[in-house]
PDB file of N, CA and C in Angstrom:
ATOM      1  N   UNK A   1       3.323   7.980 -10.325  1.00  0.00           N
ATOM      2  CA  UNK A   1       3.021   9.612 -10.295  1.00  0.00           C
ATOM      3  C   UNK A   1       2.253  10.458 -11.593  1.00  0.00           C
ATOM      4  N   UNK A   2       2.680   9.850 -12.381  1.00  0.00           N
ATOM      5  CA  UNK A   2       1.842  10.902 -13.638  1.00  0.00           C
ATOM      6  C   UNK A   2       0.602  10.570 -13.877  1.00  0.00           C
ATOM      7  N   UNK A   3       0.460   8.775 -14.078  1.00  0.00           N
ATOM      8  CA  UNK A   3      -0.678   8.357 -14.474  1.00  0.00           C
ATOM      9  C   UNK A   3      -2.371   8.767 -13.840  1.00  0.00           C
ATOM     10  N   UNK A   4      -2.010   9.130 -12.624  1.00  0.00           N
ATOM     11  CA  UNK A   4      -3.207   9.194 -11.515  1.00  0.00           C
ATOM     12  C   UNK A   4      -3.738  10.542 -11.960  1.00  0.00           C
ATOM     13  N   UNK A   5      -2.927  11.691 -12.463  1.00  0.00           N
ATOM     14  CA  UNK A   5      -3.445  12.984 -12.964  1.00  0.00           C
ATOM     15  C   UNK A   5      -4.319  13.181 -13.766  1.00  0.00           C
ATOM     16  N   UNK A   6      -5.225  13.862 -14.010  1.00  0.00           N
ATOM     17  CA  UNK A   6      -6.437  13.938 -15.048  1.00  0.00           C
ATOM     18  C   UNK A   6      -5.572  14.691 -15.886  1.00  0.00           C
ATOM     19  N   UNK A   7      -4.471  15.545 -16.030  1.00  0.00           N
ATOM     20  CA  UNK A   7      -3.765  16.062 -17.080  1.00  0.00           C
ATOM     21  C   UNK A   7      -2.652  15.157 -17.407  1.00  0.00           C
ATOM     22  N   UNK A   8      -1.918  15.936 -18.598  1.00  0.00           N
ATOM     23  CA  UNK A   8      -0.357  15.795 -18.792  1.00  0.00           C
ATOM     24  C   UNK A   8       0.596  15.679 -17.913  1.00  0.00           C
ATOM     25  N   UNK A   9       1.276  15.041 -17.769  1.00  0.00           N
ATOM     26  CA  UNK A   9       2.435  15.458 -16.884  1.00  0.00           C
ATOM     27  C   UNK A   9       3.901  15.770 -17.694  1.00  0.00           C
ATOM     28  N   UNK A  10       4.872  16.191 -16.860  1.00  0.00           N
ATOM     29  CA  UNK A  10       6.188  16.352 -17.721  1.00  0.00           C
ATOM     30  C   UNK A  10       7.202  15.225 -16.574  1.00  0.00           C
ATOM     31  N   UNK A  11       8.258  14.842 -16.983  1.00  0.00           N
ATOM     32  CA  UNK A  11       8.952  14.121 -16.777  1.00  0.00           C
ATOM     33  C   UNK A  11      10.804  14.838 -16.906  1.00  0.00           C
ATOM     34  N   UNK A  12      11.525  14.763 -16.368  1.00  0.00           N
ATOM     35  CA  UNK A  12      12.673  15.865 -16.411  1.00  0.00           C
ATOM     36  C   UNK A  12      14.021  14.313 -15.992  1.00  0.00           C
ATOM     37  N   UNK A  13      14.838  14.316 -16.969  1.00  0.00           N
ATOM     38  CA  UNK A  13      16.232  13.659 -16.227  1.00  0.00           C
ATOM     39  C   UNK A  13      17.565  15.144 -16.457  1.00  0.00           C
ATOM     40  N   UNK A  14      18.086  14.603 -15.270  1.00  0.00           N
ATOM     41  CA  UNK A  14      19.239  15.703 -14.826  1.00  0.00           C
ATOM     42  C   UNK A  14      20.151  15.313 -14.239  1.00  0.00           C
ATOM     43  N   UNK A  15      21.166  15.691 -14.927  1.00  0.00           N
ATOM     44  CA  UNK A  15      23.038  14.965 -14.156  1.00  0.00           C
ATOM     45  C   UNK A  15      23.417  16.364 -14.347  1.00  0.00           C
ATOM     46  N   UNK A  16      24.336  16.600 -13.099  1.00  0.00           N
ATOM     47  CA  UNK A  16      24.873  17.775 -12.690  1.00  0.00           C
ATOM     48  C   UNK A  16      25.965  17.385 -11.677  1.00  0.00           C
ATOM     49  N   UNK A  17      26.869  18.334 -11.498  1.00  0.00           N
ATOM     50  CA  UNK A  17      27.847  17.696 -10.493  1.00  0.00           C
ATOM     51  C   UNK A  17      27.649  18.755  -9.170  1.00  0.00           C
ATOM     52  N   UNK A  18      28.109  18.367  -7.814  1.00  0.00           N
ATOM     53  CA  UNK A  18      27.832  19.266  -6.477  1.00  0.00           C
ATOM     54  C   UNK A  18      28.752  18.729  -5.772  1.00  0.00           C
ATOM     55  N   UNK A  19      30.101  19.192  -5.933  1.00  0.00           N
ATOM     56  CA  UNK A  19      31.331  19.555  -5.418  1.00  0.00           C
ATOM     57  C   UNK A  19      31.703  18.220  -5.540  1.00  0.00           C
ATOM     58  N   UNK A  20      32.295  16.935  -5.136  1.00  0.00           N
ATOM     59  CA  UNK A  20      32.890  15.847  -5.940  1.00  0.00           C
ATOM     60  C   UNK A  20      31.618  14.637  -6.341  1.00  0.00           C
ATOM     61  N   UNK A  21      30.840  15.077  -6.111  1.00  0.00           N
ATOM     62  CA  UNK A  21      29.506  14.079  -6.742  1.00  0.00           C
ATOM     63  C   UNK A  21      28.882  14.281  -7.752  1.00  0.00           C
ATOM     64  N   UNK A  22      28.797  13.505  -8.556  1.00  0.00           N
ATOM     65  CA  UNK A  22      27.566  13.335  -9.667  1.00  0.00           C
ATOM     66  C   UNK A  22      26.510  13.127  -9.327  1.00  0.00           C
ATOM     67  N   UNK A  23      24.990  13.889  -9.659  1.00  0.00           N
ATOM     68  CA  UNK A  23      24.342  13.764  -9.161  1.00  0.00           C
ATOM     69  C   UNK A  23      22.820  13.665 -10.437  1.00  0.00           C
ATOM     70  N   UNK A  24      22.123  12.326 -10.727  1.00  0.00           N
ATOM     71  CA  UNK A  24      21.577  11.614 -11.453  1.00  0.00           C
ATOM     72  C   UNK A  24      19.876  11.889 -11.014  1.00  0.00           C
ATOM     73  N   UNK A  25      19.224  13.003 -11.454  1.00  0.00           N
ATOM     74  CA  UNK A  25      17.632  12.800 -11.161  1.00  0.00           C
ATOM     75  C   UNK A  25      16.653  12.870 -11.731  1.00  0.00           C
ATOM     76  N   UNK A  26      15.567  11.819 -11.434  1.00  0.00           N
ATOM     77  CA  UNK A  26      14.596  12.256 -12.387  1.00  0.00           C
ATOM     78  C   UNK A  26      13.510  12.900 -11.511  1.00  0.00           C
ATOM     79  N   UNK A  27      13.024  13.864 -12.138  1.00  0.00           N
ATOM     80  CA  UNK A  27      11.661  14.524 -11.593  1.00  0.00           C
ATOM     81  C   UNK A  27      10.577  14.519 -12.121  1.00  0.00           C
ATOM     82  N   UNK A  28       9.511  14.432 -11.501  1.00  0.00           N
ATOM     83  CA  UNK A  28       7.977  14.262 -12.376  1.00  0.00           C
ATOM     84  C   UNK A  28       7.331  15.307 -11.404  1.00  0.00           C
ATOM     85  N   UNK A  29       6.146  15.917 -12.242  1.00  0.00           N
ATOM     86  CA  UNK A  29       5.047  16.887 -11.600  1.00  0.00           C
ATOM     87  C   UNK A  29       4.065  15.927 -11.280  1.00  0.00           C
ATOM     88  N   UNK A  30       4.001  14.785 -10.893  1.00  0.00           N
ATOM     89  CA  UNK A  30       2.674  13.921 -11.019  1.00  0.00           C
ATOM     90  C   UNK A  30       2.413  14.187  -9.331  1.00  0.00           C
ATOM     91  N   UNK A  31       1.378  13.007  -8.706  1.00  0.00           N
ATOM     92  CA  UNK A  31       0.844  13.687  -8.035  1.00  0.00           C
ATOM     93  C   UNK A  31       1.470  13.145  -6.545  1.00  0.00           C
ATOM     94  N   UNK A  32       2.814  13.077  -6.455  1.00  0.00           N
ATOM     95  CA  UNK A  32       3.830  12.869  -5.294  1.00  0.00           C
ATOM     96  C   UNK A  32       3.645  12.023  -4.403  1.00  0.00           C
ATOM     97  N   UNK A  33       3.964  11.966  -3.398  1.00  0.00           N
ATOM     98  CA  UNK A  33       3.764  10.815  -2.279  1.00  0.00           C
ATOM     99  C   UNK A  33       3.666  11.752  -0.536  1.00  0.00           C
ATOM    100  N   UNK A  34       2.452  11.421   0.258  1.00  0.00           N
ATOM    101  CA  UNK A  34       2.652  11.605   1.207  1.00  0.00           C
ATOM    102  C   UNK A  34       4.256  11.446   1.976  1.00  0.00           C
ATOM    103  N   UNK A  35       4.647  12.330   2.851  1.00  0.00           N
ATOM    104  CA  UNK A  35       5.202  12.426   3.896  1.00  0.00           C
ATOM    105  C   UNK A  35       5.725  10.949   4.253  1.00  0.00           C
ATOM    106  N   UNK A  36       4.495  10.602   5.126  1.00  0.00           N
ATOM    107  CA  UNK A  36       4.805   9.471   6.156  1.00  0.00           C
ATOM    108  C   UNK A  36       5.299   8.269   4.822  1.00  0.00           C
ATOM    109  N   UNK A  37       4.839   7.986   3.761  1.00  0.00           N
ATOM    110  CA  UNK A  37       5.069   7.118   2.724  1.00  0.00           C
ATOM    111  C   UNK A  37       6.831   7.201   2.893  1.00  0.00           C
ATOM    112  N   UNK A  38       6.976   8.465   2.097  1.00  0.00           N
ATOM    113  CA  UNK A  38       7.733   9.139   1.782  1.00  0.00           C
ATOM    114  C   UNK A  38       9.014   8.517   2.380  1.00  0.00           C
ATOM    115  N   UNK A  39       8.861   8.723   3.772  1.00  0.00           N
ATOM    116  CA  UNK A  39       9.550   8.399   4.984  1.00  0.00           C
ATOM    117  C   UNK A  39       9.971   7.107   5.095  1.00  0.00           C
ATOM    118  N   UNK A  40       9.045   6.286   4.997  1.00  0.00           N
ATOM    119  CA  UNK A  40       9.114   4.574   5.384  1.00  0.00           C
ATOM    120  C   UNK A  40       9.641   4.302   3.811  1.00  0.00           C
ATOM    121  N   UNK A  41       9.191   4.725   2.468  1.00  0.00           N
ATOM    122  CA  UNK A  41      10.669   3.936   1.578  1.00  0.00           C
ATOM    123  C   UNK A  41      11.891   4.706   1.572  1.00  0.00           C
ATOM    124  N   UNK A  42      12.177   5.995   2.208  1.00  0.00           N
ATOM    125  CA  UNK A  42      13.602   6.374   2.165  1.00  0.00           C
ATOM    126  C   UNK A  42      14.267   5.226   3.340  1.00  0.00           C
ATOM    127  N   UNK A  43      13.820   5.246   4.118  1.00  0.00           N
ATOM    128  CA  UNK A  43      14.103   4.097   5.332  1.00  0.00           C
ATOM    129  C   UNK A  43      14.355   2.461   4.819  1.00  0.00           C
ATOM    130  N   UNK A  44      13.032   2.301   4.172  1.00  0.00           N
ATOM    131  CA  UNK A  44      13.222   0.740   4.067  1.00  0.00           C
ATOM    132  C   UNK A  44      14.349   0.829   2.410  1.00  0.00           C
ATOM    133  N   UNK A  45      14.726   2.173   2.353  1.00  0.00           N
ATOM    134  CA  UNK A  45      16.094   1.765   0.862  1.00  0.00           C
ATOM    135  C   UNK A  45      17.094   1.782   2.197  1.00  0.00           C
ATOM    136  N   UNK A  46      17.339   1.719   2.887  1.00  0.00           N
ATOM    137  CA  UNK A  46      18.680   2.067   3.938  1.00  0.00           C
ATOM    138  C   UNK A  46      18.656   0.822   5.053  1.00  0.00           C
ATOM    139  N   UNK A  47      17.068  -0.338   4.583  1.00  0.00           N
ATOM    140  CA  UNK A  47      17.767  -1.380   5.450  1.00  0.00           C
ATOM    141  C   UNK A  47      17.415  -2.634   4.473  1.00  0.00           C
ATOM    142  N   UNK A  48      18.499  -3.718   4.440  1.00  0.00           N
ATOM    143  CA  UNK A  48      18.535  -4.836   4.279  1.00  0.00           C
ATOM    144  C   UNK A  48      17.369  -5.990   4.222  1.00  0.00           C
ATOM    145  N   UNK A  49      16.775  -5.392   5.015  1.00  0.00           N
ATOM    146  CA  UNK A  49      15.670  -6.325   5.373  1.00  0.00           C
ATOM    147  C   UNK A  49      14.171  -5.950   4.645  1.00  0.00           C
ATOM    148  N   UNK A  50      14.269  -5.005   3.858  1.00  0.00           N
ATOM    149  CA  UNK A  50      13.050  -4.890   2.999  1.00  0.00           C
ATOM    150  C   UNK A  50      12.454  -5.688   2.134  1.00  0.00           C
ATOM    151  N   UNK A  51      11.362  -5.841   1.928  1.00  0.00           N
ATOM    152  CA  UNK A  51      10.917  -6.947   0.856  1.00  0.00           C
ATOM    153  C   UNK A  51       9.943  -5.518   0.018  1.00  0.00           C
ATOM    154  N   UNK A  52      10.095  -4.728  -0.054  1.00  0.00           N
ATOM    155  CA  UNK A  52       9.432  -3.835  -0.816  1.00  0.00           C
ATOM    156  C   UNK A  52      10.255  -2.641  -1.666  1.00  0.00           C
ATOM    157  N   UNK A  53       9.876  -2.456  -2.840  1.00  0.00           N
ATOM    158  CA  UNK A  53      10.687  -1.393  -3.516  1.00  0.00           C
ATOM    159  C   UNK A  53      12.122  -2.566  -3.726  1.00  0.00           C
ATOM    160  N   UNK A  54      12.116  -3.662  -4.541  1.00  0.00           N
ATOM    161  CA  UNK A  54      13.348  -4.598  -4.610  1.00  0.00           C
ATOM    162  C   UNK A  54      14.201  -3.671  -5.588  1.00  0.00           C
ATOM    163  N   UNK A  55      13.747  -3.122  -6.731  1.00  0.00           N
ATOM    164  CA  UNK A  55      14.743  -2.756  -7.675  1.00  0.00           C
ATOM    165  C   UNK A  55      15.097  -1.433  -7.013  1.00  0.00           C
ATOM    166  N   UNK A  56      14.390  -0.548  -6.286  1.00  0.00           N
ATOM    167  CA  UNK A  56      15.978   0.809  -5.560  1.00  0.00           C
ATOM    168  C   UNK A  56      16.427  -0.088  -4.181  1.00  0.00           C
ATOM    169  N   UNK A  57      16.195  -0.819  -3.772  1.00  0.00           N
ATOM    170  CA  UNK A  57      16.800  -1.448  -2.317  1.00  0.00           C
ATOM    171  C   UNK A  57      18.249  -2.147  -3.382  1.00  0.00           C
ATOM    172  N   UNK A  58      17.683  -2.637  -4.492  1.00  0.00           N
ATOM    173  CA  UNK A  58      18.968  -3.594  -5.000  1.00  0.00           C
ATOM    174  C   UNK A  58      20.275  -2.323  -5.703  1.00  0.00           C
ATOM    175  N   UNK A  59      19.602  -1.166  -5.865  1.00  0.00           N
ATOM    176  CA  UNK A  59      20.578  -0.151  -6.773  1.00  0.00           C
ATOM    177  C   UNK A  59      21.500   0.666  -5.357  1.00  0.00           C
ATOM    178  N   UNK A  60      20.788   0.612  -4.222  1.00  0.00           N
ATOM    179  CA  UNK A  60      21.220   1.560  -3.344  1.00  0.00           C
ATOM    180  C   UNK A  60      22.125   0.316  -3.132  1.00  0.00           C
ATOM    181  N   UNK A  61      22.304  -0.610  -2.529  1.00  0.00           N
ATOM    182  CA  UNK A  61      22.782  -1.802  -1.800  1.00  0.00           C
ATOM    183  C   UNK A  61      24.090  -1.823  -2.866  1.00  0.00           C
ATOM    184  N   UNK A  62      24.254  -1.706  -4.326  1.00  0.00           N
ATOM    185  CA  UNK A  62      25.227  -1.772  -5.318  1.00  0.00           C
ATOM    186  C   UNK A  62      25.832  -0.519  -5.434  1.00  0.00           C
ATOM    187  N   UNK A  63      25.167   0.358  -4.956  1.00  0.00           N
ATOM    188  CA  UNK A  63      25.992   1.954  -5.003  1.00  0.00           C
ATOM    189  C   UNK A  63      26.791   1.941  -3.745  1.00  0.00           C
ATOM    190  N   UNK A  64      25.987   1.518  -2.670  1.00  0.00           N
ATOM    191  CA  UNK A  64      27.022   1.907  -1.137  1.00  0.00           C
ATOM    192  C   UNK A  64      27.933   0.718  -1.305  1.00  0.00           C
ATOM    193  N   UNK A  65      27.776  -0.352  -1.881  1.00  0.00           N
ATOM    194  CA  UNK A  65      29.216  -1.411  -1.955  1.00  0.00           C
ATOM    195  C   UNK A  65      30.526  -1.016  -2.877  1.00  0.00           C
ATOM    196  N   UNK A  66      29.645  -0.538  -3.449  1.00  0.00           N
ATOM    197  CA  UNK A  66      30.976   0.265  -4.441  1.00  0.00           C
ATOM    198  C   UNK A  66      31.473   1.100  -4.416  1.00  0.00           C
ATOM    199  N   UNK A  67      31.039   2.414  -3.674  1.00  0.00           N
ATOM    200  CA  UNK A  67      31.272   3.744  -3.286  1.00  0.00           C
ATOM    201  C   UNK A  67      30.917   4.099  -1.900  1.00  0.00           C
ATOM    202  N   UNK A  68      30.230   3.351  -0.922  1.00  0.00           N
ATOM    203  CA  UNK A  68      30.277   3.433   0.719  1.00  0.00           C
ATOM    204  C   UNK A  68      28.925   4.471   0.621  1.00  0.00           C
ATOM    205  N   UNK A  69      28.806   4.430   1.626  1.00  0.00           N
ATOM    206  CA  UNK A  69      27.610   5.119   2.645  1.00  0.00           C
ATOM    207  C   UNK A  69      26.982   6.155   2.291  1.00  0.00           C
ATOM    208  N   UNK A  70      28.005   7.098   1.948  1.00  0.00           N
ATOM    209  CA  UNK A  70      27.632   8.145   1.643  1.00  0.00           C
ATOM    210  C   UNK A  70      26.763   8.644   0.566  1.00  0.00           C
ATOM    211  N   UNK A  71      26.792   7.498  -0.650  1.00  0.00           N
ATOM    212  CA  UNK A  71      25.965   7.334  -1.906  1.00  0.00           C
ATOM    213  C   UNK A  71      24.966   6.620  -2.253  1.00  0.00           C
ATOM    214  N   UNK A  72      23.889   6.748  -2.722  1.00  0.00           N
ATOM    215  CA  UNK A  72      22.599   5.989  -3.020  1.00  0.00           C
ATOM    216  C   UNK A  72      21.987   6.701  -3.437  1.00  0.00           C
ATOM    217  N   UNK A  73      20.618   6.314  -3.326  1.00  0.00           N
ATOM    218  CA  UNK A  73      19.416   6.651  -3.791  1.00  0.00           C
ATOM    219  C   UNK A  73      18.469   7.121  -3.082  1.00  0.00           C
ATOM    220  N   UNK A  74      18.332   8.037  -3.306  1.00  0.00           N
ATOM    221  CA  UNK A  74      16.900   9.104  -2.151  1.00  0.00           C
ATOM    222  C   UNK A  74      15.990   9.930  -3.354  1.00  0.00           C
ATOM    223  N   UNK A  75      14.565   9.353  -2.579  1.00  0.00           N
ATOM    224  CA  UNK A  75      13.440   9.861  -3.118  1.00  0.00           C
ATOM    225  C   UNK A  75      13.390  11.424  -2.363  1.00  0.00           C
ATOM    226  N   UNK A  76      12.660  12.067  -2.804  1.00  0.00           N
ATOM    227  CA  UNK A  76      12.162  13.482  -2.538  1.00  0.00           C
ATOM    228  C   UNK A  76      10.844  13.949  -2.838  1.00  0.00           C
ATOM    229  N   UNK A  77      10.276  14.260  -2.503  1.00  0.00           N
ATOM    230  CA  UNK A  77       8.606  14.695  -2.730  1.00  0.00           C
ATOM    231  C   UNK A  77       7.724  15.237  -2.194  1.00  0.00           C
ATOM    232  N   UNK A  78       6.710  16.262  -2.651  1.00  0.00           N
ATOM    233  CA  UNK A  78       5.662  16.537  -1.978  1.00  0.00           C
ATOM    234  C   UNK A  78       4.472  16.487  -2.516  1.00  0.00           C
ATOM    235  N   UNK A  79       3.585  15.988  -1.448  1.00  0.00           N
ATOM    236  CA  UNK A  79       2.280  15.379  -2.366  1.00  0.00           C
ATOM    237  C   UNK A  79       1.162  16.728  -2.877  1.00  0.00           C
ATOM    238  N   UNK A  80       1.154  16.579  -3.747  1.00  0.00           N
ATOM    239  CA  UNK A  80       0.290  17.073  -5.036  1.00  0.00           C
ATOM    240  C   UNK A  80       1.711  18.140  -5.779  1.00  0.00           C
ATOM    241  N   UNK A  81       2.728  17.686  -5.495  1.00  0.00           N
ATOM    242  CA  UNK A  81       3.394  18.893  -6.589  1.00  0.00           C
ATOM    243  C   UNK A  81       4.824  17.977  -7.674  1.00  0.00           C
ATOM    244  N   UNK A  82       4.578  16.302  -7.043  1.00  0.00           N
ATOM    245  CA  UNK A  82       5.477  15.872  -8.089  1.00  0.00           C
ATOM    246  C   UNK A  82       6.829  15.005  -6.989  1.00  0.00           C
ATOM    247  N   UNK A  83       7.528  14.305  -7.653  1.00  0.00           N
ATOM    248  CA  UNK A  83       8.444  13.270  -6.583  1.00  0.00           C
ATOM    249  C   UNK A  83       9.660  13.428  -7.753  1.00  0.00           C
ATOM    250  N   UNK A  84      11.474  13.485  -6.811  1.00  0.00           N
ATOM    251  CA  UNK A  84      12.279  13.219  -7.612  1.00  0.00           C
ATOM    252  C   UNK A  84      12.755  12.373  -6.893  1.00  0.00           C
ATOM    253  N   UNK A  85      13.811  11.410  -8.041  1.00  0.00           N
ATOM    254  CA  UNK A  85      14.541  10.215  -7.183  1.00  0.00           C
ATOM    255  C   UNK A  85      15.929  10.516  -7.475  1.00  0.00           C
ATOM    256  N   UNK A  86      16.437  10.771  -6.635  1.00  0.00           N
ATOM    257  CA  UNK A  86      18.242  10.788  -6.731  1.00  0.00           C
ATOM    258  C   UNK A  86      19.010   9.688  -6.808  1.00  0.00           C
ATOM    259  N   UNK A  87      20.208  10.071  -7.838  1.00  0.00           N
ATOM    260  CA  UNK A  87      21.410   8.834  -7.597  1.00  0.00           C
ATOM    261  C   UNK A  87      22.179   9.601  -7.208  1.00  0.00           C
ATOM    262  N   UNK A  88      23.017   9.253  -6.065  1.00  0.00           N
ATOM    263  CA  UNK A  88      24.393   9.862  -6.139  1.00  0.00           C
ATOM    264  C   UNK A  88      25.373   9.482  -6.038  1.00  0.00           C
ATOM    265  N   UNK A  89      26.702   9.415  -6.907  1.00  0.00           N
ATOM    266  CA  UNK A  89      27.743   8.642  -6.714  1.00  0.00           C
ATOM    267  C   UNK A  89      28.986   9.865  -6.739  1.00  0.00           C
ATOM    268  N   UNK A  90      30.116   9.165  -6.540  1.00  0.00           N
ATOM    269  CA  UNK A  90      31.012  10.015  -6.651  1.00  0.00           C
ATOM    270  C   UNK A  90      32.132  10.530  -8.104  1.00  0.00           C
ATOM    271  N   UNK A  91      32.655  11.521  -8.169  1.00  0.00           N
ATOM    272  CA  UNK A  91      33.013  11.614  -9.176  1.00  0.00           C
ATOM    273  C   UNK A  91      34.517  10.862  -9.187  1.00  0.00           C
ATOM    274  N   UNK A  92      34.957   9.825 -10.171  1.00  0.00           N
ATOM    275  CA  UNK A  92      35.947   9.407 -10.090  1.00  0.00           C
ATOM    276  C   UNK A  92      36.952   9.479 -10.948  1.00  0.00           C
ATOM    277  N   UNK A  93      38.088   9.726 -10.925  1.00  0.00           N
ATOM    278  CA  UNK A  93      38.717  10.039 -12.322  1.00  0.00           C
ATOM    279  C   UNK A  93      40.163   8.909 -12.596  1.00  0.00           C
TER     280      UNK A  93
END
């Protein structure tokens, strides 16, 4: 998402606690993803039949296998403003 921009971009890596969940997020200010494509990608992450985005699907499947359906990977994006990839996992004591 950064490379197609005509100027430099920023990538931020964040980790924070939200209730009993840890959120690991990677944000960029790249070109973002059109909402239709974003919906398709997020839906594919929840389908074991997807042959696209294999890496993201593998991470999603492993997280859900270990921690349950509440946790996993989500992409959030607004075209023209950037994308955030979030991984949610529970806090385990």
